[in-house]
Amino acid sequence: CIVLCLCLIPCFMLAAGCAKHKPEKTADELAAEG
């Protein structure tokens, strides 16, 4: 259980980071802008 928790911590941190840095624009918008 301890090992599993230690393995899952980076995943939760990554998910939190992705949520925090959610792309500001969609792919369509960036393609049109570029």
Full PDB file with SEQRES, HELIX, SHEET, SSBOND, CRYST1, ORIGX, SCALE, CONECT and MASTER records, all heavy atoms in Angstrom:
SEQRES   1 A   34  CYS ILE VAL LEU CYS LEU CYS LEU ILE PRO CYS PHE MET          
SEQRES   2 A   34  LEU ALA ALA GLY CYS ALA LYS HIS LYS PRO GLU LYS THR          
SEQRES   3 A   34  ALA ASP GLU LEU ALA ALA GLU GLY                              
HELIX    1 AA1 ILE A    2  LYS A   20  1                                  19    
HELIX    2 AA2 ALA A   27  GLU A   33  1                                   7    
CRYST1    1.000    1.000    1.000  90.00  90.00  90.00 P 1           1          
ORIGX1      1.000000  0.000000  0.000000        0.00000                         
ORIGX2      0.000000  1.000000  0.000000        0.00000                         
ORIGX3      0.000000  0.000000  1.000000        0.00000                         
SCALE1      1.000000  0.000000  0.000000        0.00000                         
SCALE2      0.000000  1.000000  0.000000        0.00000                         
SCALE3      0.000000  0.000000  1.000000        0.00000                         
ATOM      1  N   CYS A   1       0.833  -1.207   0.000  1.00  0.00           N  
ATOM      2  CA  CYS A   1       0.000   0.000   0.000  1.00  0.00           C  
ATOM      3  C   CYS A   1       0.865   1.253   0.000  1.00  0.00           C  
ATOM      4  O   CYS A   1       0.568   2.244  -0.677  1.00  0.00           O  
ATOM      5  CB  CYS A   1      -0.929  -0.008   1.216  1.00  0.00           C  
ATOM      6  SG  CYS A   1      -2.197  -1.287   1.126  1.00  0.00           S  
ATOM      7  N   ILE A   2       1.962   1.188   0.786  1.00  0.00           N  
ATOM      8  CA  ILE A   2       2.860   2.348   0.833  1.00  0.00           C  
ATOM      9  C   ILE A   2       3.494   2.600  -0.527  1.00  0.00           C  
ATOM     10  O   ILE A   2       3.555   3.729  -1.022  1.00  0.00           O  
ATOM     11  CB  ILE A   2       3.937   2.125   1.912  1.00  0.00           C  
ATOM     12  CG1 ILE A   2       3.297   2.115   3.304  1.00  0.00           C  
ATOM     13  CG2 ILE A   2       5.011   3.211   1.831  1.00  0.00           C  
ATOM     14  CD1 ILE A   2       4.255   1.729   4.413  1.00  0.00           C  
ATOM     15  N   VAL A   3       3.982   1.511  -1.151  1.00  0.00           N  
ATOM     16  CA  VAL A   3       4.606   1.641  -2.470  1.00  0.00           C  
ATOM     17  C   VAL A   3       3.616   2.162  -3.497  1.00  0.00           C  
ATOM     18  O   VAL A   3       3.920   3.014  -4.322  1.00  0.00           O  
ATOM     19  CB  VAL A   3       5.191   0.284  -2.928  1.00  0.00           C  
ATOM     20  CG1 VAL A   3       5.668   0.370  -4.374  1.00  0.00           C  
ATOM     21  CG2 VAL A   3       6.319  -0.140  -2.005  1.00  0.00           C  
ATOM     22  N   LEU A   4       2.382   1.648  -3.416  1.00  0.00           N  
ATOM     23  CA  LEU A   4       1.360   2.087  -4.356  1.00  0.00           C  
ATOM     24  C   LEU A   4       1.083   3.569  -4.195  1.00  0.00           C  
ATOM     25  O   LEU A   4       0.960   4.311  -5.178  1.00  0.00           O  
ATOM     26  CB  LEU A   4       0.069   1.284  -4.143  1.00  0.00           C  
ATOM     27  CG  LEU A   4      -1.109   1.643  -5.057  1.00  0.00           C  
ATOM     28  CD1 LEU A   4      -0.721   1.388  -6.516  1.00  0.00           C  
ATOM     29  CD2 LEU A   4      -2.337   0.818  -4.681  1.00  0.00           C  
ATOM     30  N   CYS A   5       1.003   4.027  -2.945  1.00  0.00           N  
ATOM     31  CA  CYS A   5       0.757   5.450  -2.686  1.00  0.00           C  
ATOM     32  C   CYS A   5       1.899   6.302  -3.223  1.00  0.00           C  
ATOM     33  O   CYS A   5       1.681   7.362  -3.832  1.00  0.00           O  
ATOM     34  CB  CYS A   5       0.586   5.694  -1.190  1.00  0.00           C  
ATOM     35  SG  CYS A   5      -0.962   5.028  -0.537  1.00  0.00           S  
ATOM     36  N   LEU A   6       3.137   5.835  -3.008  1.00  0.00           N  
ATOM     37  CA  LEU A   6       4.290   6.580  -3.493  1.00  0.00           C  
ATOM     38  C   LEU A   6       4.299   6.668  -5.016  1.00  0.00           C  
ATOM     39  O   LEU A   6       4.717   7.664  -5.599  1.00  0.00           O  
ATOM     40  CB  LEU A   6       5.585   5.918  -3.002  1.00  0.00           C  
ATOM     41  CG  LEU A   6       5.861   6.033  -1.495  1.00  0.00           C  
ATOM     42  CD1 LEU A   6       7.082   5.200  -1.116  1.00  0.00           C  
ATOM     43  CD2 LEU A   6       6.064   7.490  -1.088  1.00  0.00           C  
ATOM     44  N   CYS A   7       3.835   5.619  -5.671  1.00  0.00           N  
ATOM     45  CA  CYS A   7       3.779   5.616  -7.138  1.00  0.00           C  
ATOM     46  C   CYS A   7       2.678   6.532  -7.658  1.00  0.00           C  
ATOM     47  O   CYS A   7       2.802   7.141  -8.725  1.00  0.00           O  
ATOM     48  CB  CYS A   7       3.553   4.195  -7.659  1.00  0.00           C  
ATOM     49  SG  CYS A   7       4.949   3.099  -7.397  1.00  0.00           S  
ATOM     50  N   LEU A   8       1.601   6.630  -6.903  1.00  0.00           N  
ATOM     51  CA  LEU A   8       0.462   7.424  -7.355  1.00  0.00           C  
ATOM     52  C   LEU A   8       0.657   8.911  -7.112  1.00  0.00           C  
ATOM     53  O   LEU A   8       0.048   9.735  -7.806  1.00  0.00           O  
ATOM     54  CB  LEU A   8      -0.814   6.951  -6.665  1.00  0.00           C  
ATOM     55  CG  LEU A   8      -1.341   5.587  -7.095  1.00  0.00           C  
ATOM     56  CD1 LEU A   8      -2.530   5.186  -6.237  1.00  0.00           C  
ATOM     57  CD2 LEU A   8      -1.734   5.611  -8.580  1.00  0.00           C  
ATOM     58  N   ILE A   9       1.500   9.268  -6.152  1.00  0.00           N  
ATOM     59  CA  ILE A   9       1.695  10.690  -5.840  1.00  0.00           C  
ATOM     60  C   ILE A   9       2.132  11.491  -7.065  1.00  0.00           C  
ATOM     61  O   ILE A   9       1.557  12.541  -7.367  1.00  0.00           O  
ATOM     62  CB  ILE A   9       2.700  10.852  -4.680  1.00  0.00           C  
ATOM     63  CG1 ILE A   9       2.029  10.463  -3.367  1.00  0.00           C  
ATOM     64  CG2 ILE A   9       3.202  12.298  -4.587  1.00  0.00           C  
ATOM     65  CD1 ILE A   9       2.999  10.404  -2.180  1.00  0.00           C  
ATOM     66  N   PRO A  10       3.161  11.031  -7.833  1.00  0.00           N  
ATOM     67  CA  PRO A  10       3.547  11.801  -9.027  1.00  0.00           C  
ATOM     68  C   PRO A  10       2.397  11.932 -10.011  1.00  0.00           C  
ATOM     69  O   PRO A  10       2.270  12.952 -10.701  1.00  0.00           O  
ATOM     70  CB  PRO A  10       4.713  10.993  -9.614  1.00  0.00           C  
ATOM     71  CG  PRO A  10       5.250  10.212  -8.469  1.00  0.00           C  
ATOM     72  CD  PRO A  10       4.064   9.876  -7.629  1.00  0.00           C  
ATOM     73  N   CYS A  11       1.573  10.910 -10.138  1.00  0.00           N  
ATOM     74  CA  CYS A  11       0.441  10.971 -11.067  1.00  0.00           C  
ATOM     75  C   CYS A  11      -0.541  12.051 -10.657  1.00  0.00           C  
ATOM     76  O   CYS A  11      -1.043  12.812 -11.481  1.00  0.00           O  
ATOM     77  CB  CYS A  11      -0.251   9.608 -11.136  1.00  0.00           C  
ATOM     78  SG  CYS A  11       0.796   8.287 -11.768  1.00  0.00           S  
ATOM     79  N   PHE A  12      -0.821  12.111  -9.336  1.00  0.00           N  
ATOM     80  CA  PHE A  12      -1.734  13.144  -8.857  1.00  0.00           C  
ATOM     81  C   PHE A  12      -1.144  14.537  -9.062  1.00  0.00           C  
ATOM     82  O   PHE A  12      -1.842  15.481  -9.418  1.00  0.00           O  
ATOM     83  CB  PHE A  12      -2.050  12.914  -7.372  1.00  0.00           C  
ATOM     84  CG  PHE A  12      -2.912  11.720  -7.113  1.00  0.00           C  
ATOM     85  CD1 PHE A  12      -2.568  10.789  -6.138  1.00  0.00           C  
ATOM     86  CD2 PHE A  12      -4.078  11.502  -7.844  1.00  0.00           C  
ATOM     87  CE1 PHE A  12      -3.359   9.680  -5.893  1.00  0.00           C  
ATOM     88  CE2 PHE A  12      -4.869  10.383  -7.598  1.00  0.00           C  
ATOM     89  CZ  PHE A  12      -4.516   9.474  -6.629  1.00  0.00           C  
ATOM     90  N   MET A  13       0.177  14.640  -8.822  1.00  0.00           N  
ATOM     91  CA  MET A  13       0.837  15.936  -9.005  1.00  0.00           C  
ATOM     92  C   MET A  13       0.796  16.363 -10.458  1.00  0.00           C  
ATOM     93  O   MET A  13       0.567  17.522 -10.787  1.00  0.00           O  
ATOM     94  CB  MET A  13       2.290  15.844  -8.526  1.00  0.00           C  
ATOM     95  CG  MET A  13       2.427  15.665  -7.017  1.00  0.00           C  
ATOM     96  SD  MET A  13       4.150  15.476  -6.502  1.00  0.00           S  
ATOM     97  CE  MET A  13       4.798  17.087  -6.959  1.00  0.00           C  
ATOM     98  N   LEU A  14       1.032  15.397 -11.394  1.00  0.00           N  
ATOM     99  CA  LEU A  14       0.977  15.691 -12.820  1.00  0.00           C  
ATOM    100  C   LEU A  14      -0.414  16.117 -13.226  1.00  0.00           C  
ATOM    101  O   LEU A  14      -0.600  17.076 -13.986  1.00  0.00           O  
ATOM    102  CB  LEU A  14       1.424  14.460 -13.626  1.00  0.00           C  
ATOM    103  CG  LEU A  14       1.418  14.608 -15.140  1.00  0.00           C  
ATOM    104  CD1 LEU A  14       2.369  15.722 -15.578  1.00  0.00           C  
ATOM    105  CD2 LEU A  14       1.810  13.296 -15.816  1.00  0.00           C  
ATOM    106  N   ALA A  15      -1.422  15.407 -12.724  1.00  0.00           N  
ATOM    107  CA  ALA A  15      -2.795  15.746 -13.069  1.00  0.00           C  
ATOM    108  C   ALA A  15      -3.153  17.131 -12.558  1.00  0.00           C  
ATOM    109  O   ALA A  15      -3.804  17.929 -13.243  1.00  0.00           O  
ATOM    110  CB  ALA A  15      -3.749  14.707 -12.475  1.00  0.00           C  
ATOM    111  N   ALA A  16      -2.685  17.444 -11.341  1.00  0.00           N  
ATOM    112  CA  ALA A  16      -2.952  18.766 -10.786  1.00  0.00           C  
ATOM    113  C   ALA A  16      -2.261  19.849 -11.599  1.00  0.00           C  
ATOM    114  O   ALA A  16      -2.816  20.912 -11.862  1.00  0.00           O  
ATOM    115  CB  ALA A  16      -2.473  18.816  -9.330  1.00  0.00           C  
ATOM    116  N   GLY A  17      -1.023  19.532 -12.031  1.00  0.00           N  
ATOM    117  CA  GLY A  17      -0.300  20.496 -12.861  1.00  0.00           C  
ATOM    118  C   GLY A  17      -0.980  20.742 -14.176  1.00  0.00           C  
ATOM    119  O   GLY A  17      -1.084  21.867 -14.658  1.00  0.00           O  
ATOM    120  N   CYS A  18      -1.482  19.675 -14.800  1.00  0.00           N  
ATOM    121  CA  CYS A  18      -2.177  19.810 -16.079  1.00  0.00           C  
ATOM    122  C   CYS A  18      -3.452  20.634 -15.921  1.00  0.00           C  
ATOM    123  O   CYS A  18      -3.800  21.444 -16.772  1.00  0.00           O  
ATOM    124  CB  CYS A  18      -2.508  18.429 -16.653  1.00  0.00           C  
ATOM    125  SG  CYS A  18      -1.054  17.514 -17.190  1.00  0.00           S  
ATOM    126  N   ALA A  19      -4.150  20.391 -14.793  1.00  0.00           N  
ATOM    127  CA  ALA A  19      -5.381  21.150 -14.555  1.00  0.00           C  
ATOM    128  C   ALA A  19      -5.063  22.620 -14.342  1.00  0.00           C  
ATOM    129  O   ALA A  19      -5.788  23.505 -14.780  1.00  0.00           O  
ATOM    130  CB  ALA A  19      -6.103  20.568 -13.343  1.00  0.00           C  
ATOM    131  N   LYS A  20      -3.927  22.880 -13.637  1.00  0.00           N  
ATOM    132  CA  LYS A  20      -3.539  24.248 -13.357  1.00  0.00           C  
ATOM    133  C   LYS A  20      -3.119  24.965 -14.618  1.00  0.00           C  
ATOM    134  O   LYS A  20      -3.317  26.165 -14.772  1.00  0.00           O  
ATOM    135  CB  LYS A  20      -2.396  24.240 -12.347  1.00  0.00           C  
ATOM    136  CG  LYS A  20      -1.985  25.630 -11.873  1.00  0.00           C  
ATOM    137  CD  LYS A  20      -0.901  25.519 -10.825  1.00  0.00           C  
ATOM    138  CE  LYS A  20      -0.444  26.910 -10.359  1.00  0.00           C  
ATOM    139  NZ  LYS A  20       0.619  26.822  -9.345  1.00  0.00           N  
ATOM    140  N   HIS A  21      -2.474  24.233 -15.550  1.00  0.00           N  
ATOM    141  CA  HIS A  21      -1.966  24.820 -16.790  1.00  0.00           C  
ATOM    142  C   HIS A  21      -2.807  24.363 -17.979  1.00  0.00           C  
ATOM    143  O   HIS A  21      -2.284  23.953 -19.007  1.00  0.00           O  
ATOM    144  CB  HIS A  21      -0.491  24.439 -16.990  1.00  0.00           C  
ATOM    145  CG  HIS A  21       0.407  24.946 -15.914  1.00  0.00           C  
ATOM    146  ND1 HIS A  21       0.726  24.207 -14.806  1.00  0.00           N  
ATOM    147  CD2 HIS A  21       1.039  26.145 -15.765  1.00  0.00           C  
ATOM    148  CE1 HIS A  21       1.534  24.911 -14.018  1.00  0.00           C  
ATOM    149  NE2 HIS A  21       1.735  26.091 -14.575  1.00  0.00           N  
ATOM    150  N   LYS A  22      -4.057  24.409 -17.835  1.00  0.00           N  
ATOM    151  CA  LYS A  22      -4.960  24.032 -18.916  1.00  0.00           C  
ATOM    152  C   LYS A  22      -4.750  24.969 -20.106  1.00  0.00           C  
ATOM    153  O   LYS A  22      -4.662  26.185 -19.921  1.00  0.00           O  
ATOM    154  CB  LYS A  22      -6.412  24.108 -18.446  1.00  0.00           C  
ATOM    155  CG  LYS A  22      -7.413  23.634 -19.483  1.00  0.00           C  
ATOM    156  CD  LYS A  22      -8.827  23.682 -18.938  1.00  0.00           C  
ATOM    157  CE  LYS A  22      -9.831  23.229 -19.986  1.00  0.00           C  
ATOM    158  NZ  LYS A  22     -11.221  23.274 -19.466  1.00  0.00           N  
ATOM    159  N   PRO A  23      -4.630  24.423 -21.323  1.00  0.00           N  
ATOM    160  CA  PRO A  23      -4.418  25.271 -22.496  1.00  0.00           C  
ATOM    161  C   PRO A  23      -5.446  26.395 -22.584  1.00  0.00           C  
ATOM    162  O   PRO A  23      -6.632  26.182 -22.357  1.00  0.00           O  
ATOM    163  CB  PRO A  23      -4.566  24.285 -23.654  1.00  0.00           C  
ATOM    164  CG  PRO A  23      -4.173  22.969 -23.075  1.00  0.00           C  
ATOM    165  CD  PRO A  23      -4.658  22.990 -21.663  1.00  0.00           C  
ATOM    166  N   GLU A  24      -4.933  27.569 -22.913  1.00  0.00           N  
ATOM    167  CA  GLU A  24      -5.791  28.749 -22.967  1.00  0.00           C  
ATOM    168  C   GLU A  24      -6.649  28.782 -24.227  1.00  0.00           C  
ATOM    169  O   GLU A  24      -7.693  29.439 -24.256  1.00  0.00           O  
ATOM    170  CB  GLU A  24      -4.924  30.005 -22.902  1.00  0.00           C  
ATOM    171  CG  GLU A  24      -4.058  30.077 -21.656  1.00  0.00           C  
ATOM    172  CD  GLU A  24      -2.980  31.131 -21.759  1.00  0.00           C  
ATOM    173  OE1 GLU A  24      -2.915  31.791 -22.827  1.00  0.00           O  
ATOM    174  OE2 GLU A  24      -2.207  31.302 -20.806  1.00  0.00           O  
ATOM    175  N   LYS A  25      -6.173  28.098 -25.274  1.00  0.00           N  
ATOM    176  CA  LYS A  25      -6.880  28.128 -26.550  1.00  0.00           C  
ATOM    177  C   LYS A  25      -7.031  26.713 -27.094  1.00  0.00           C  
ATOM    178  O   LYS A  25      -6.234  25.826 -26.778  1.00  0.00           O  
ATOM    179  CB  LYS A  25      -6.133  29.006 -27.559  1.00  0.00           C  
ATOM    180  CG  LYS A  25      -6.019  30.458 -27.123  1.00  0.00           C  
ATOM    181  CD  LYS A  25      -5.235  31.276 -28.131  1.00  0.00           C  
ATOM    182  CE  LYS A  25      -5.113  32.722 -27.667  1.00  0.00           C  
ATOM    183  NZ  LYS A  25      -4.337  33.541 -28.608  1.00  0.00           N  
ATOM    184  N   THR A  26      -8.015  26.538 -27.938  1.00  0.00           N  
ATOM    185  CA  THR A  26      -8.234  25.235 -28.552  1.00  0.00           C  
ATOM    186  C   THR A  26      -7.272  25.045 -29.710  1.00  0.00           C  
ATOM    187  O   THR A  26      -6.630  25.997 -30.183  1.00  0.00           O  
ATOM    188  CB  THR A  26      -9.672  25.125 -29.069  1.00  0.00           C  
ATOM    189  OG1 THR A  26      -9.845  26.051 -30.157  1.00  0.00           O  
ATOM    190  CG2 THR A  26     -10.686  25.412 -27.970  1.00  0.00           C  
ATOM    191  N   ALA A  27      -7.190  23.816 -30.191  1.00  0.00           N  
ATOM    192  CA  ALA A  27      -6.337  23.527 -31.342  1.00  0.00           C  
ATOM    193  C   ALA A  27      -6.799  24.317 -32.564  1.00  0.00           C  
ATOM    194  O   ALA A  27      -5.979  24.835 -33.333  1.00  0.00           O  
ATOM    195  CB  ALA A  27      -6.346  22.028 -31.633  1.00  0.00           C  
ATOM    196  N   ASP A  28      -8.107  24.407 -32.754  1.00  0.00           N  
ATOM    197  CA  ASP A  28      -8.641  25.170 -33.885  1.00  0.00           C  
ATOM    198  C   ASP A  28      -8.212  26.632 -33.805  1.00  0.00           C  
ATOM    199  O   ASP A  28      -7.816  27.236 -34.820  1.00  0.00           O  
ATOM    200  CB  ASP A  28     -10.167  25.086 -33.903  1.00  0.00           C  
ATOM    201  CG  ASP A  28     -10.673  23.715 -34.322  1.00  0.00           C  
ATOM    202  OD1 ASP A  28      -9.911  22.975 -34.974  1.00  0.00           O  
ATOM    203  OD2 ASP A  28     -11.820  23.382 -33.982  1.00  0.00           O  
ATOM    204  N   GLU A  29      -8.302  27.196 -32.608  1.00  0.00           N  
ATOM    205  CA  GLU A  29      -7.945  28.599 -32.438  1.00  0.00           C  
ATOM    206  C   GLU A  29      -6.461  28.839 -32.688  1.00  0.00           C  
ATOM    207  O   GLU A  29      -6.076  29.819 -33.348  1.00  0.00           O  
ATOM    208  CB  GLU A  29      -8.324  29.056 -31.026  1.00  0.00           C  
ATOM    209  CG  GLU A  29      -9.821  29.163 -30.799  1.00  0.00           C  
ATOM    210  CD  GLU A  29     -10.176  29.410 -29.347  1.00  0.00           C  
ATOM    211  OE1 GLU A  29      -9.381  29.031 -28.456  1.00  0.00           O  
ATOM    212  OE2 GLU A  29     -11.261  29.969 -29.096  1.00  0.00           O  
ATOM    213  N   LEU A  30      -5.624  27.952 -32.183  1.00  0.00           N  
ATOM    214  CA  LEU A  30      -4.182  28.104 -32.383  1.00  0.00           C  
ATOM    215  C   LEU A  30      -3.790  27.926 -33.844  1.00  0.00           C  
ATOM    216  O   LEU A  30      -2.912  28.630 -34.354  1.00  0.00           O  
ATOM    217  CB  LEU A  30      -3.425  27.102 -31.512  1.00  0.00           C  
ATOM    218  CG  LEU A  30      -3.412  27.420 -30.016  1.00  0.00           C  
ATOM    219  CD1 LEU A  30      -2.872  26.240 -29.226  1.00  0.00           C  
ATOM    220  CD2 LEU A  30      -2.569  28.664 -29.741  1.00  0.00           C  
ATOM    221  N   ALA A  31      -4.450  26.983 -34.534  1.00  0.00           N  
ATOM    222  CA  ALA A  31      -4.170  26.775 -35.952  1.00  0.00           C  
ATOM    223  C   ALA A  31      -4.542  28.017 -36.753  1.00  0.00           C  
ATOM    224  O   ALA A  31      -3.780  28.468 -37.635  1.00  0.00           O  
ATOM    225  CB  ALA A  31      -4.930  25.559 -36.464  1.00  0.00           C  
ATOM    226  N   ALA A  32      -5.699  28.599 -36.460  1.00  0.00           N  
ATOM    227  CA  ALA A  32      -6.141  29.805 -37.161  1.00  0.00           C  
ATOM    228  C   ALA A  32      -5.233  30.987 -36.837  1.00  0.00           C  
ATOM    229  O   ALA A  32      -4.865  31.773 -37.718  1.00  0.00           O  
ATOM    230  CB  ALA A  32      -7.588  30.127 -36.782  1.00  0.00           C  
ATOM    231  N   GLU A  33      -4.849  31.088 -35.578  1.00  0.00           N  
ATOM    232  CA  GLU A  33      -3.976  32.173 -35.146  1.00  0.00           C  
ATOM    233  C   GLU A  33      -2.604  32.075 -35.815  1.00  0.00           C  
ATOM    234  O   GLU A  33      -2.065  33.071 -36.324  1.00  0.00           O  
ATOM    235  CB  GLU A  33      -3.820  32.107 -33.630  1.00  0.00           C  
ATOM    236  CG  GLU A  33      -2.926  33.178 -33.031  1.00  0.00           C  
ATOM    237  CD  GLU A  33      -2.809  32.998 -31.527  1.00  0.00           C  
ATOM    238  OE1 GLU A  33      -1.893  32.253 -31.078  1.00  0.00           O  
ATOM    239  OE2 GLU A  33      -3.637  33.593 -30.805  1.00  0.00           O  
ATOM    240  N   GLY A  34      -2.042  30.862 -35.815  1.00  0.00           N  
ATOM    241  CA  GLY A  34      -0.738  30.670 -36.439  1.00  0.00           C  
ATOM    242  C   GLY A  34      -0.757  30.997 -37.915  1.00  0.00           C  
ATOM    243  O   GLY A  34       0.159  31.647 -38.436  1.00  0.00           O  
TER     244      GLY A  34                                                      
MASTER        0    0    0    2    0    0    0    6  243    1    0    3          
END                                                                             
